[in-house]
Amino acid sequence: MGLNGFERKPPQRETLQSIALERHYTVPEVAELWGMSEKSVRRLFAEESGVLRWGTPETLRKRGYCNLRIPESVLIRVHQRRAS
C-alpha cells in the first residue's frame, strides 16, 4: 500500500485511461480543422504514437485500408511539434 492507505497506480496506466476517455478525431475532421488534405493528415499521423489504427492489409486482388482515430492529446502534441 502507498501513502495514506491508498495504492498508487503506475503513471503509464493513468495515461492510457485518460487517452481512452478523451475525444478522438477522424482523418476528415482533422483535415478540415487544419485545412489540409486527408492524404496529408494520414501521412502525418500514420506512425504517430497513441493513434488508433485498424483495417485490412493490401493483397494482390484487394486494396487495403487503414482507419485512424487521433486522440486530442496526440493532435495537440503534433501541432505543438510542427509549430515550433
N, C-alpha and C. Protein backbone atom coordinates (compact mmCIF):
# COMPACT_ATOMS: atom_id res chain seq x y z
N MET A 1 0.83 -1.18 0.00
CA MET A 1 0.00 0.00 0.00
C MET A 1 0.87 1.24 0.00
N GLY A 2 0.37 2.28 -0.59
CA GLY A 2 1.10 3.53 -0.67
C GLY A 2 0.76 4.43 0.50
N LEU A 3 1.03 5.68 0.34
CA LEU A 3 0.75 6.66 1.37
C LEU A 3 -0.74 6.75 1.65
N ASN A 4 -1.08 7.02 2.90
CA ASN A 4 -2.47 7.19 3.32
C ASN A 4 -3.34 5.97 3.06
N GLY A 5 -2.75 4.79 2.94
CA GLY A 5 -3.51 3.57 2.76
C GLY A 5 -4.06 3.35 1.36
N PHE A 6 -3.71 4.21 0.39
CA PHE A 6 -4.18 4.05 -0.99
C PHE A 6 -3.03 3.55 -1.85
N GLU A 7 -3.34 2.62 -2.70
CA GLU A 7 -2.32 2.11 -3.61
C GLU A 7 -2.26 3.02 -4.83
N ARG A 8 -1.08 3.39 -5.22
CA ARG A 8 -0.88 4.29 -6.35
C ARG A 8 -0.73 3.46 -7.63
N LYS A 9 -1.50 3.82 -8.67
CA LYS A 9 -1.39 3.14 -9.96
C LYS A 9 -0.14 3.63 -10.69
N PRO A 10 0.43 2.80 -11.54
CA PRO A 10 1.58 3.25 -12.33
C PRO A 10 1.17 4.40 -13.24
N PRO A 11 2.04 5.39 -13.46
CA PRO A 11 1.70 6.54 -14.30
C PRO A 11 1.26 6.14 -15.71
N GLN A 12 1.86 5.10 -16.26
CA GLN A 12 1.52 4.69 -17.62
C GLN A 12 0.05 4.30 -17.71
N ARG A 13 -0.46 3.60 -16.73
CA ARG A 13 -1.86 3.18 -16.75
C ARG A 13 -2.80 4.38 -16.67
N GLU A 14 -2.46 5.36 -15.86
CA GLU A 14 -3.27 6.57 -15.76
C GLU A 14 -3.31 7.28 -17.11
N THR A 15 -2.18 7.34 -17.78
CA THR A 15 -2.12 7.98 -19.09
C THR A 15 -2.99 7.25 -20.09
N LEU A 16 -2.92 5.92 -20.10
CA LEU A 16 -3.73 5.14 -21.03
C LEU A 16 -5.22 5.34 -20.76
N GLN A 17 -5.61 5.40 -19.49
CA GLN A 17 -7.01 5.61 -19.17
C GLN A 17 -7.48 6.98 -19.62
N SER A 18 -6.66 8.01 -19.42
CA SER A 18 -7.08 9.35 -19.82
C SER A 18 -7.18 9.45 -21.34
N ILE A 19 -6.27 8.81 -22.07
CA ILE A 19 -6.32 8.83 -23.53
C ILE A 19 -7.58 8.11 -24.02
N ALA A 20 -7.95 7.03 -23.38
CA ALA A 20 -9.13 6.27 -23.80
C ALA A 20 -10.41 7.08 -23.66
N LEU A 21 -10.45 7.99 -22.71
CA LEU A 21 -11.68 8.74 -22.45
C LEU A 21 -11.73 10.09 -23.15
N GLU A 22 -10.63 10.52 -23.75
CA GLU A 22 -10.64 11.83 -24.41
C GLU A 22 -11.23 11.73 -25.81
N ARG A 23 -11.52 12.86 -26.39
CA ARG A 23 -12.10 12.94 -27.73
C ARG A 23 -11.11 12.40 -28.75
N HIS A 24 -11.61 11.57 -29.68
CA HIS A 24 -10.80 11.04 -30.78
C HIS A 24 -11.34 11.62 -32.09
N TYR A 25 -10.44 12.10 -32.93
CA TYR A 25 -10.81 12.72 -34.20
C TYR A 25 -10.59 11.76 -35.36
N THR A 26 -11.42 11.89 -36.38
CA THR A 26 -11.23 11.14 -37.62
C THR A 26 -10.29 11.93 -38.53
N VAL A 27 -9.79 11.28 -39.55
CA VAL A 27 -8.91 11.94 -40.52
C VAL A 27 -9.63 13.11 -41.21
N PRO A 28 -10.88 12.93 -41.69
CA PRO A 28 -11.56 14.07 -42.31
C PRO A 28 -11.78 15.26 -41.35
N GLU A 29 -12.02 14.98 -40.08
CA GLU A 29 -12.20 16.07 -39.11
C GLU A 29 -10.91 16.87 -38.94
N VAL A 30 -9.79 16.18 -38.82
CA VAL A 30 -8.50 16.87 -38.67
C VAL A 30 -8.16 17.63 -39.95
N ALA A 31 -8.42 17.02 -41.09
CA ALA A 31 -8.15 17.69 -42.37
C ALA A 31 -8.93 19.00 -42.47
N GLU A 32 -10.18 18.99 -42.06
CA GLU A 32 -10.99 20.21 -42.11
C GLU A 32 -10.50 21.25 -41.09
N LEU A 33 -10.20 20.78 -39.87
CA LEU A 33 -9.72 21.70 -38.82
C LEU A 33 -8.42 22.40 -39.22
N TRP A 34 -7.51 21.65 -39.81
CA TRP A 34 -6.19 22.17 -40.12
C TRP A 34 -6.05 22.67 -41.56
N GLY A 35 -7.10 22.53 -42.37
CA GLY A 35 -7.05 22.99 -43.75
C GLY A 35 -6.06 22.22 -44.59
N MET A 36 -6.00 20.91 -44.37
CA MET A 36 -5.09 20.03 -45.10
C MET A 36 -5.89 18.97 -45.85
N SER A 37 -5.23 18.28 -46.75
CA SER A 37 -5.88 17.15 -47.42
C SER A 37 -5.89 15.95 -46.49
N GLU A 38 -6.83 15.06 -46.70
CA GLU A 38 -6.90 13.83 -45.91
C GLU A 38 -5.64 12.99 -46.10
N LYS A 39 -5.10 13.00 -47.29
CA LYS A 39 -3.88 12.24 -47.58
C LYS A 39 -2.71 12.76 -46.74
N SER A 40 -2.60 14.08 -46.62
CA SER A 40 -1.53 14.67 -45.81
C SER A 40 -1.70 14.34 -44.34
N VAL A 41 -2.93 14.37 -43.85
CA VAL A 41 -3.21 14.04 -42.45
C VAL A 41 -2.85 12.58 -42.18
N ARG A 42 -3.21 11.69 -43.09
CA ARG A 42 -2.87 10.27 -42.92
C ARG A 42 -1.36 10.08 -42.84
N ARG A 43 -0.62 10.75 -43.72
CA ARG A 43 0.85 10.63 -43.70
C ARG A 43 1.41 11.17 -42.39
N LEU A 44 0.86 12.28 -41.92
CA LEU A 44 1.35 12.93 -40.71
C LEU A 44 1.14 12.07 -39.46
N PHE A 45 0.00 11.37 -39.39
CA PHE A 45 -0.35 10.62 -38.18
C PHE A 45 -0.18 9.10 -38.31
N ALA A 46 0.20 8.61 -39.46
CA ALA A 46 0.26 7.16 -39.70
C ALA A 46 1.14 6.42 -38.70
N GLU A 47 2.28 6.96 -38.35
CA GLU A 47 3.22 6.29 -37.45
C GLU A 47 3.32 6.96 -36.09
N GLU A 48 2.39 7.85 -35.80
CA GLU A 48 2.43 8.60 -34.54
C GLU A 48 1.99 7.73 -33.37
N SER A 49 2.72 7.78 -32.29
CA SER A 49 2.41 7.03 -31.09
C SER A 49 1.09 7.51 -30.48
N GLY A 50 0.22 6.56 -30.11
CA GLY A 50 -1.05 6.90 -29.47
C GLY A 50 -2.23 6.90 -30.41
N VAL A 51 -2.00 6.87 -31.72
CA VAL A 51 -3.08 6.87 -32.71
C VAL A 51 -3.63 5.45 -32.84
N LEU A 52 -4.95 5.32 -32.84
CA LEU A 52 -5.58 4.00 -33.03
C LEU A 52 -5.63 3.69 -34.52
N ARG A 53 -5.20 2.48 -34.89
CA ARG A 53 -5.19 2.05 -36.29
C ARG A 53 -5.86 0.69 -36.42
N TRP A 54 -6.68 0.53 -37.44
CA TRP A 54 -7.19 -0.79 -37.76
C TRP A 54 -7.61 -0.81 -39.22
N GLY A 55 -7.69 -1.99 -39.78
CA GLY A 55 -8.03 -2.14 -41.19
C GLY A 55 -7.59 -3.48 -41.71
N THR A 56 -7.44 -3.57 -43.02
CA THR A 56 -7.00 -4.81 -43.65
C THR A 56 -5.79 -4.53 -44.53
N PRO A 57 -4.88 -5.49 -44.61
CA PRO A 57 -3.70 -5.28 -45.45
C PRO A 57 -4.05 -5.41 -46.94
N GLU A 58 -3.22 -4.84 -47.77
CA GLU A 58 -3.41 -4.92 -49.21
C GLU A 58 -2.97 -6.29 -49.71
N THR A 59 -3.74 -6.85 -50.64
CA THR A 59 -3.38 -8.11 -51.29
C THR A 59 -3.27 -7.87 -52.79
N LEU A 60 -2.98 -8.92 -53.54
CA LEU A 60 -2.89 -8.77 -54.99
C LEU A 60 -4.23 -8.40 -55.62
N ARG A 61 -5.33 -8.82 -55.01
CA ARG A 61 -6.65 -8.60 -55.61
C ARG A 61 -7.50 -7.56 -54.91
N LYS A 62 -7.07 -7.15 -53.71
CA LYS A 62 -7.91 -6.23 -52.95
C LYS A 62 -7.06 -5.13 -52.34
N ARG A 63 -7.55 -3.91 -52.48
CA ARG A 63 -6.86 -2.77 -51.90
C ARG A 63 -7.02 -2.78 -50.38
N GLY A 64 -5.95 -2.51 -49.67
CA GLY A 64 -6.02 -2.45 -48.22
C GLY A 64 -6.56 -1.10 -47.76
N TYR A 65 -6.95 -1.04 -46.51
CA TYR A 65 -7.38 0.24 -45.94
C TYR A 65 -6.96 0.29 -44.48
N CYS A 66 -6.86 1.50 -43.98
CA CYS A 66 -6.47 1.69 -42.59
C CYS A 66 -7.28 2.85 -42.01
N ASN A 67 -8.05 2.57 -40.97
CA ASN A 67 -8.78 3.61 -40.25
C ASN A 67 -7.88 4.18 -39.17
N LEU A 68 -7.94 5.47 -38.96
CA LEU A 68 -7.19 6.12 -37.90
C LEU A 68 -8.14 6.90 -37.01
N ARG A 69 -7.92 6.84 -35.71
CA ARG A 69 -8.61 7.70 -34.76
C ARG A 69 -7.52 8.39 -33.95
N ILE A 70 -7.56 9.71 -33.93
CA ILE A 70 -6.48 10.50 -33.36
C ILE A 70 -6.95 11.14 -32.05
N PRO A 71 -6.38 10.71 -30.92
CA PRO A 71 -6.76 11.31 -29.63
C PRO A 71 -6.38 12.80 -29.60
N GLU A 72 -7.16 13.56 -28.86
CA GLU A 72 -6.93 15.01 -28.77
C GLU A 72 -5.52 15.33 -28.27
N SER A 73 -5.02 14.56 -27.31
CA SER A 73 -3.67 14.83 -26.78
C SER A 73 -2.61 14.63 -27.86
N VAL A 74 -2.80 13.64 -28.74
CA VAL A 74 -1.85 13.41 -29.83
C VAL A 74 -1.95 14.55 -30.84
N LEU A 75 -3.16 15.00 -31.12
CA LEU A 75 -3.38 16.11 -32.04
C LEU A 75 -2.65 17.36 -31.54
N ILE A 76 -2.76 17.64 -30.25
CA ILE A 76 -2.09 18.80 -29.66
C ILE A 76 -0.58 18.63 -29.71
N ARG A 77 -0.10 17.43 -29.37
CA ARG A 77 1.34 17.17 -29.38
C ARG A 77 1.95 17.38 -30.77
N VAL A 78 1.29 16.87 -31.80
CA VAL A 78 1.81 17.01 -33.16
C VAL A 78 1.74 18.47 -33.59
N HIS A 79 0.68 19.15 -33.24
CA HIS A 79 0.55 20.57 -33.60
C HIS A 79 1.66 21.39 -32.96
N GLN A 80 1.94 21.16 -31.68
CA GLN A 80 3.00 21.89 -30.98
C GLN A 80 4.37 21.60 -31.59
N ARG A 81 4.60 20.34 -31.93
CA ARG A 81 5.88 19.96 -32.53
C ARG A 81 6.06 20.61 -33.90
N ARG A 82 4.99 20.67 -34.69
CA ARG A 82 5.08 21.24 -36.03
C ARG A 82 5.15 22.77 -35.99
N ALA A 83 4.57 23.37 -34.94
CA ALA A 83 4.55 24.83 -34.84
C ALA A 83 5.89 25.41 -34.40
N SER A 84 6.71 24.59 -33.75
CA SER A 84 7.98 25.13 -33.24
C SER A 84 9.13 24.90 -34.20
